[in-house]
Amino acid sequence: MKTAVLDYDVGNLASVIQGLKYAGLQPVLTRDRDEILSAKAVVLPGVGAFGQGMENLRKYNLLSIIDAVTSKGTPFLGICLGMQLLFHESDEYGSHSGLGLLPGKVVRFPAGLKIPHMGWNTLNILNQHPFLEGIQSGSYVYFVHSYIASDCEPSHIVANTDYGVDFPAMVCLDNIVGVQFHPEKSSRIGLKLLSNFGEMVRNGSNSGY
């Protein structure tokens, strides 16, 4: 199943591609409109700053393509920065508009916490979801970030994590899934999650999350 990994000059693409291959998908790193629109799934990975990420998506004319694939129900996975970009805005190094696919704002961790939040932490599963099939609450996944989603629609939060405050670790709306952690760096649990995404793509499971 061809999976378009959006190429917008951010880090961490190689490990995402390897994880998707493990999951039985056929990842293609691309910014070609036709290739993305014809893909069975789309992944927006990323490590870096929110504003720069949005600038790069604009530069490569990917904003309208993202709108098209999410609107038609293509399974869409945002990872780390890719999850943060799903929201309406961010205050990282100024005020920046995001993709606006999910209500919410990306803000810095509260003062007093050591940041970035880097390393292993647990998922507190709030709602069942195909992406979490076979994953137990309390499972450890790997994080690297200094900003978190806030003001989210509660029904969109599938799992959260505690790092001084509870923050959304996984969100979803219909065919759109976002994870703040890095499944591609989360060992056995992460590979299981990516395999679950592969099953979602193969089964056409893109609604009722």
C-alpha atoms as a PDB file:
ATOM      1  CA  MET A   1       0.000   0.000   0.000  1.00  0.00           C
ATOM      2  CA  LYS A   2       1.724   3.157  -1.203  1.00  0.00           C
ATOM      3  CA  THR A   3       2.190   5.640   1.651  1.00  0.00           C
ATOM      4  CA  ALA A   4       3.320   9.166   0.863  1.00  0.00           C
ATOM      5  CA  VAL A   5       5.789  10.566   3.407  1.00  0.00           C
ATOM      6  CA  LEU A   6       5.716  14.317   2.896  1.00  0.00           C
ATOM      7  CA  ASP A   7       9.119  15.729   2.022  1.00  0.00           C
ATOM      8  CA  TYR A   8       9.338  19.265   3.414  1.00  0.00           C
ATOM      9  CA  ASP A   9      12.954  19.539   4.564  1.00  0.00           C
ATOM     10  CA  VAL A  10      12.586  18.432   8.173  1.00  0.00           C
ATOM     11  CA  GLY A  11      14.497  15.856  10.194  1.00  0.00           C
ATOM     12  CA  ASN A  12      13.725  12.288  11.165  1.00  0.00           C
ATOM     13  CA  LEU A  13      12.467  11.082   7.793  1.00  0.00           C
ATOM     14  CA  ALA A  14      14.734   8.048   7.369  1.00  0.00           C
ATOM     15  CA  SER A  15      13.659   6.335  10.601  1.00  0.00           C
ATOM     16  CA  VAL A  16       9.981   6.973   9.798  1.00  0.00           C
ATOM     17  CA  ILE A  17      10.406   5.396   6.393  1.00  0.00           C
ATOM     18  CA  GLN A  18      12.088   2.325   7.898  1.00  0.00           C
ATOM     19  CA  GLY A  19       9.295   1.960  10.468  1.00  0.00           C
ATOM     20  CA  LEU A  20       6.621   2.146   7.781  1.00  0.00           C
ATOM     21  CA  LYS A  21       8.441  -0.507   5.749  1.00  0.00           C
ATOM     22  CA  TYR A  22       8.405  -2.749   8.803  1.00  0.00           C
ATOM     23  CA  ALA A  23       4.650  -2.175   9.034  1.00  0.00           C
ATOM     24  CA  GLY A  24       4.232  -3.621   5.544  1.00  0.00           C
ATOM     25  CA  LEU A  25       3.557  -0.324   3.823  1.00  0.00           C
ATOM     26  CA  GLN A  26       5.384   1.080   0.805  1.00  0.00           C
ATOM     27  CA  PRO A  27       6.627   4.512   1.892  1.00  0.00           C
ATOM     28  CA  VAL A  28       7.588   7.023  -0.772  1.00  0.00           C
ATOM     29  CA  LEU A  29       9.303  10.271   0.228  1.00  0.00           C
ATOM     30  CA  THR A  30       7.683  12.852  -2.011  1.00  0.00           C
ATOM     31  CA  ARG A  31       6.286  16.304  -2.516  1.00  0.00           C
ATOM     32  CA  ASP A  32       4.720  15.448  -5.895  1.00  0.00           C
ATOM     33  CA  ARG A  33       1.015  16.311  -5.952  1.00  0.00           C
ATOM     34  CA  ASP A  34      -0.164  13.397  -8.088  1.00  0.00           C
ATOM     35  CA  GLU A  35       1.861  10.866  -6.126  1.00  0.00           C
ATOM     36  CA  ILE A  36       0.470  12.130  -2.822  1.00  0.00           C
ATOM     37  CA  LEU A  37      -3.116  12.252  -4.050  1.00  0.00           C
ATOM     38  CA  SER A  38      -2.896   8.672  -5.323  1.00  0.00           C
ATOM     39  CA  ALA A  39      -1.383   7.286  -2.105  1.00  0.00           C
ATOM     40  CA  LYS A  40      -3.406   5.020   0.179  1.00  0.00           C
ATOM     41  CA  ALA A  41      -2.066   6.876   3.235  1.00  0.00           C
ATOM     42  CA  VAL A  42      -0.108  10.041   3.975  1.00  0.00           C
ATOM     43  CA  VAL A  43       2.385  10.656   6.793  1.00  0.00           C
ATOM     44  CA  LEU A  44       3.534  14.090   7.991  1.00  0.00           C
ATOM     45  CA  PRO A  45       6.634  13.505  10.147  1.00  0.00           C
ATOM     46  CA  GLY A  46       8.991  16.115  11.481  1.00  0.00           C
ATOM     47  CA  VAL A  47      11.408  17.427  14.051  1.00  0.00           C
ATOM     48  CA  GLY A  48      11.914  21.165  14.260  1.00  0.00           C
ATOM     49  CA  ALA A  49      10.151  24.488  14.746  1.00  0.00           C
ATOM     50  CA  PHE A  50       6.461  25.019  13.977  1.00  0.00           C
ATOM     51  CA  GLY A  51       6.918  28.229  11.982  1.00  0.00           C
ATOM     52  CA  GLN A  52       9.637  26.787   9.780  1.00  0.00           C
ATOM     53  CA  GLY A  53       7.581  23.652   9.196  1.00  0.00           C
ATOM     54  CA  MET A  54       4.602  25.677   7.977  1.00  0.00           C
ATOM     55  CA  GLU A  55       6.857  27.863   5.828  1.00  0.00           C
ATOM     56  CA  ASN A  56       8.300  24.777   4.150  1.00  0.00           C
ATOM     57  CA  LEU A  57       4.848  23.289   3.529  1.00  0.00           C
ATOM     58  CA  ARG A  58       3.868  26.545   1.816  1.00  0.00           C
ATOM     59  CA  LYS A  59       7.101  26.707  -0.170  1.00  0.00           C
ATOM     60  CA  TYR A  60       6.504  23.262  -1.612  1.00  0.00           C
ATOM     61  CA  ASN A  61       2.790  23.900  -2.275  1.00  0.00           C
ATOM     62  CA  LEU A  62       1.769  21.119   0.094  1.00  0.00           C
ATOM     63  CA  LEU A  63      -0.995  22.937   1.982  1.00  0.00           C
ATOM     64  CA  SER A  64      -3.693  22.434  -0.659  1.00  0.00           C
ATOM     65  CA  ILE A  65      -2.588  18.826  -1.141  1.00  0.00           C
ATOM     66  CA  ILE A  66      -2.949  18.139   2.588  1.00  0.00           C
ATOM     67  CA  ASP A  67      -6.415  19.686   2.499  1.00  0.00           C
ATOM     68  CA  ALA A  68      -7.341  17.464  -0.449  1.00  0.00           C
ATOM     69  CA  VAL A  69      -6.187  14.163   1.015  1.00  0.00           C
ATOM     70  CA  THR A  70      -7.632  14.800   4.476  1.00  0.00           C
ATOM     71  CA  SER A  71     -10.957  15.937   2.988  1.00  0.00           C
ATOM     72  CA  LYS A  72     -11.351  12.802   0.889  1.00  0.00           C
ATOM     73  CA  GLY A  73     -10.704  10.499   3.867  1.00  0.00           C
ATOM     74  CA  THR A  74      -7.184   9.278   3.161  1.00  0.00           C
ATOM     75  CA  PRO A  75      -5.608   7.955   6.407  1.00  0.00           C
ATOM     76  CA  PHE A  76      -3.293  10.739   7.573  1.00  0.00           C
ATOM     77  CA  LEU A  77      -0.693  10.398  10.348  1.00  0.00           C
ATOM     78  CA  GLY A  78       1.147  13.340  11.889  1.00  0.00           C
ATOM     79  CA  ILE A  79       4.214  12.529  14.017  1.00  0.00           C
ATOM     80  CA  CYS A  80       5.747  14.918  16.591  1.00  0.00           C
ATOM     81  CA  LEU A  81       5.998  18.272  14.754  1.00  0.00           C
ATOM     82  CA  GLY A  82       3.635  16.706  12.221  1.00  0.00           C
ATOM     83  CA  MET A  83       1.010  16.350  14.953  1.00  0.00           C
ATOM     84  CA  GLN A  84       1.535  19.902  16.179  1.00  0.00           C
ATOM     85  CA  LEU A  85       1.043  21.306  12.680  1.00  0.00           C
ATOM     86  CA  LEU A  86      -2.464  19.810  12.617  1.00  0.00           C
ATOM     87  CA  PHE A  87      -3.696  22.483  15.032  1.00  0.00           C
ATOM     88  CA  HIS A  88      -4.851  26.042  14.411  1.00  0.00           C
ATOM     89  CA  GLU A  89      -1.869  27.922  15.815  1.00  0.00           C
ATOM     90  CA  SER A  90       1.359  27.859  17.807  1.00  0.00           C
ATOM     91  CA  ASP A  91       3.214  30.378  19.966  1.00  0.00           C
ATOM     92  CA  GLU A  92       6.633  28.823  19.301  1.00  0.00           C
ATOM     93  CA  TYR A  93       9.015  31.738  18.572  1.00  0.00           C
ATOM     94  CA  GLY A  94       6.111  34.051  17.796  1.00  0.00           C
ATOM     95  CA  SER A  95       2.569  33.435  16.614  1.00  0.00           C
ATOM     96  CA  HIS A  96       2.079  31.069  13.678  1.00  0.00           C
ATOM     97  CA  SER A  97      -0.980  29.651  11.955  1.00  0.00           C
ATOM     98  CA  GLY A  98      -1.111  25.890  11.479  1.00  0.00           C
ATOM     99  CA  LEU A  99      -3.044  23.593   9.181  1.00  0.00           C
ATOM    100  CA  GLY A 100      -6.242  24.110  11.166  1.00  0.00           C
ATOM    101  CA  LEU A 101      -7.370  20.512  10.814  1.00  0.00           C
ATOM    102  CA  LEU A 102      -7.941  20.177  14.570  1.00  0.00           C
ATOM    103  CA  PRO A 103      -8.994  22.836  17.085  1.00  0.00           C
ATOM    104  CA  GLY A 104      -6.271  23.709  19.543  1.00  0.00           C
ATOM    105  CA  LYS A 105      -3.090  25.660  20.107  1.00  0.00           C
ATOM    106  CA  VAL A 106       0.512  24.538  20.531  1.00  0.00           C
ATOM    107  CA  VAL A 107       2.196  26.065  23.596  1.00  0.00           C
ATOM    108  CA  ARG A 108       5.441  25.659  25.509  1.00  0.00           C
ATOM    109  CA  PHE A 109       5.569  23.386  28.553  1.00  0.00           C
ATOM    110  CA  PRO A 110       4.904  25.351  31.758  1.00  0.00           C
ATOM    111  CA  ALA A 111       7.851  27.042  33.461  1.00  0.00           C
ATOM    112  CA  GLY A 112       9.761  24.934  35.954  1.00  0.00           C
ATOM    113  CA  LEU A 113       9.873  21.754  33.907  1.00  0.00           C
ATOM    114  CA  LYS A 114      13.078  20.500  32.349  1.00  0.00           C
ATOM    115  CA  ILE A 115      12.753  20.789  28.602  1.00  0.00           C
ATOM    116  CA  PRO A 116      12.891  19.360  26.117  1.00  0.00           C
ATOM    117  CA  HIS A 117      10.847  16.476  27.430  1.00  0.00           C
ATOM    118  CA  MET A 118      13.186  13.789  26.143  1.00  0.00           C
ATOM    119  CA  GLY A 119      13.038  10.064  26.696  1.00  0.00           C
ATOM    120  CA  TRP A 120      10.568   7.342  27.568  1.00  0.00           C
ATOM    121  CA  ASN A 121       7.198   8.046  29.132  1.00  0.00           C
ATOM    122  CA  THR A 122       3.872   6.260  29.473  1.00  0.00           C
ATOM    123  CA  LEU A 123       0.670   6.483  27.484  1.00  0.00           C
ATOM    124  CA  ASN A 124      -2.561   6.877  29.404  1.00  0.00           C
ATOM    125  CA  ILE A 125      -5.175   5.548  26.988  1.00  0.00           C
ATOM    126  CA  LEU A 126      -8.470   7.416  27.266  1.00  0.00           C
ATOM    127  CA  ASN A 127     -10.386   5.992  24.307  1.00  0.00           C
ATOM    128  CA  GLN A 128      -9.998   2.909  22.149  1.00  0.00           C
ATOM    129  CA  HIS A 129      -8.756   3.409  18.618  1.00  0.00           C
ATOM    130  CA  PRO A 130      -7.537   1.100  15.809  1.00  0.00           C
ATOM    131  CA  PHE A 131      -4.072   2.679  16.059  1.00  0.00           C
ATOM    132  CA  LEU A 132      -3.853   1.410  19.662  1.00  0.00           C
ATOM    133  CA  GLU A 133      -4.990  -2.151  18.985  1.00  0.00           C
ATOM    134  CA  GLY A 134      -3.069  -4.473  21.323  1.00  0.00           C
ATOM    135  CA  ILE A 135      -1.446  -1.580  23.218  1.00  0.00           C
ATOM    136  CA  GLN A 136      -2.027  -1.350  26.960  1.00  0.00           C
ATOM    137  CA  SER A 137      -2.337   1.830  28.981  1.00  0.00           C
ATOM    138  CA  GLY A 138       0.989   2.419  30.698  1.00  0.00           C
ATOM    139  CA  SER A 139       3.053   1.369  27.679  1.00  0.00           C
ATOM    140  CA  TYR A 140       6.242   3.368  27.193  1.00  0.00           C
ATOM    141  CA  VAL A 141       6.937   5.426  24.074  1.00  0.00           C
ATOM    142  CA  TYR A 142       9.704   7.867  23.188  1.00  0.00           C
ATOM    143  CA  PHE A 143       9.330  11.666  23.242  1.00  0.00           C
ATOM    144  CA  VAL A 144      11.474  14.628  22.222  1.00  0.00           C
ATOM    145  CA  HIS A 145       9.622  17.977  22.407  1.00  0.00           C
ATOM    146  CA  SER A 146       9.310  21.286  24.205  1.00  0.00           C
ATOM    147  CA  TYR A 147       5.797  22.232  23.068  1.00  0.00           C
ATOM    148  CA  ILE A 148       2.428  20.575  23.635  1.00  0.00           C
ATOM    149  CA  ALA A 149      -1.112  20.845  22.322  1.00  0.00           C
ATOM    150  CA  SER A 150      -3.619  22.711  24.472  1.00  0.00           C
ATOM    151  CA  ASP A 151      -7.249  23.844  24.201  1.00  0.00           C
ATOM    152  CA  CYS A 152      -8.038  20.653  22.271  1.00  0.00           C
ATOM    153  CA  GLU A 153     -11.504  19.256  21.797  1.00  0.00           C
ATOM    154  CA  PRO A 154     -11.622  16.626  24.595  1.00  0.00           C
ATOM    155  CA  SER A 155     -13.236  14.023  22.357  1.00  0.00           C
ATOM    156  CA  HIS A 156     -10.222  14.238  20.012  1.00  0.00           C
ATOM    157  CA  ILE A 157      -7.726  13.200  22.728  1.00  0.00           C
ATOM    158  CA  VAL A 158      -7.196   9.449  22.562  1.00  0.00           C
ATOM    159  CA  ALA A 159      -4.238   9.228  24.959  1.00  0.00           C
ATOM    160  CA  ASN A 160      -2.311  11.572  27.184  1.00  0.00           C
ATOM    161  CA  THR A 161       0.997  11.580  29.023  1.00  0.00           C
ATOM    162  CA  ASP A 162       2.059  13.133  32.317  1.00  0.00           C
ATOM    163  CA  TYR A 163       5.198  15.275  32.397  1.00  0.00           C
ATOM    164  CA  GLY A 164       4.459  17.697  35.200  1.00  0.00           C
ATOM    165  CA  VAL A 165       1.169  18.318  33.386  1.00  0.00           C
ATOM    166  CA  ASP A 166      -1.082  16.026  31.401  1.00  0.00           C
ATOM    167  CA  PHE A 167      -0.748  16.722  27.685  1.00  0.00           C
ATOM    168  CA  PRO A 168      -2.236  15.084  24.578  1.00  0.00           C
ATOM    169  CA  ALA A 169       0.018  12.280  23.360  1.00  0.00           C
ATOM    170  CA  MET A 170      -2.382  11.115  20.653  1.00  0.00           C
ATOM    171  CA  VAL A 171      -5.284  12.871  18.965  1.00  0.00           C
ATOM    172  CA  CYS A 172      -7.651  11.869  16.213  1.00  0.00           C
ATOM    173  CA  LEU A 173     -10.532  13.106  14.127  1.00  0.00           C
ATOM    174  CA  ASP A 174     -11.996  10.742  11.545  1.00  0.00           C
ATOM    175  CA  ASN A 175      -9.117   9.811   9.196  1.00  0.00           C
ATOM    176  CA  ILE A 176      -6.601  12.129  10.893  1.00  0.00           C
ATOM    177  CA  VAL A 177      -4.306  10.782  13.617  1.00  0.00           C
ATOM    178  CA  GLY A 178      -1.570  12.702  15.412  1.00  0.00           C
ATOM    179  CA  VAL A 179       1.016  11.415  17.882  1.00  0.00           C
ATOM    180  CA  GLN A 180       3.343  13.653  19.907  1.00  0.00           C
ATOM    181  CA  PHE A 181       5.775  10.796  20.500  1.00  0.00           C
ATOM    182  CA  HIS A 182       7.963   9.003  17.966  1.00  0.00           C
ATOM    183  CA  PRO A 183       6.588   5.532  17.167  1.00  0.00           C
ATOM    184  CA  GLU A 184       9.547   4.914  14.863  1.00  0.00           C
ATOM    185  CA  LYS A 185      11.862   5.309  17.890  1.00  0.00           C
ATOM    186  CA  SER A 186       9.651   3.508  20.408  1.00  0.00           C
ATOM    187  CA  SER A 187      11.003  -0.018  19.990  1.00  0.00           C
ATOM    188  CA  ARG A 188       8.509  -2.907  20.042  1.00  0.00           C
ATOM    189  CA  ILE A 189       5.531  -0.771  21.065  1.00  0.00           C
ATOM    190  CA  GLY A 190       6.241   1.775  18.347  1.00  0.00           C
ATOM    191  CA  LEU A 191       6.547  -0.862  15.651  1.00  0.00           C
ATOM    192  CA  LYS A 192       3.247  -2.361  16.794  1.00  0.00           C
ATOM    193  CA  LEU A 193       1.619   1.070  16.490  1.00  0.00           C
ATOM    194  CA  LEU A 194       2.950   1.510  12.958  1.00  0.00           C
ATOM    195  CA  SER A 195       1.770  -1.997  12.099  1.00  0.00           C
ATOM    196  CA  ASN A 196      -1.666  -0.991  13.404  1.00  0.00           C
ATOM    197  CA  PHE A 197      -1.573   2.017  11.092  1.00  0.00           C
ATOM    198  CA  GLY A 198      -0.776  -0.355   8.246  1.00  0.00           C
ATOM    199  CA  GLU A 199      -3.806  -2.460   9.157  1.00  0.00           C
ATOM    200  CA  MET A 200      -5.969   0.661   9.246  1.00  0.00           C
ATOM    201  CA  VAL A 201      -4.819   1.516   5.738  1.00  0.00           C
ATOM    202  CA  ARG A 202      -5.373  -1.999   4.421  1.00  0.00           C
ATOM    203  CA  ASN A 203      -8.804  -2.259   6.039  1.00  0.00           C
ATOM    204  CA  GLY A 204      -9.922   1.196   5.016  1.00  0.00           C
ATOM    205  CA  SER A 205     -10.482   2.052   8.683  1.00  0.00           C
ATOM    206  CA  ASN A 206     -10.796   5.810   8.369  1.00  0.00           C
ATOM    207  CA  SER A 207     -13.900   6.671  10.317  1.00  0.00           C
ATOM    208  CA  GLY A 208     -15.487   6.255  13.715  1.00  0.00           C
ATOM    209  CA  TYR A 209     -12.316   6.924  15.699  1.00  0.00           C
END
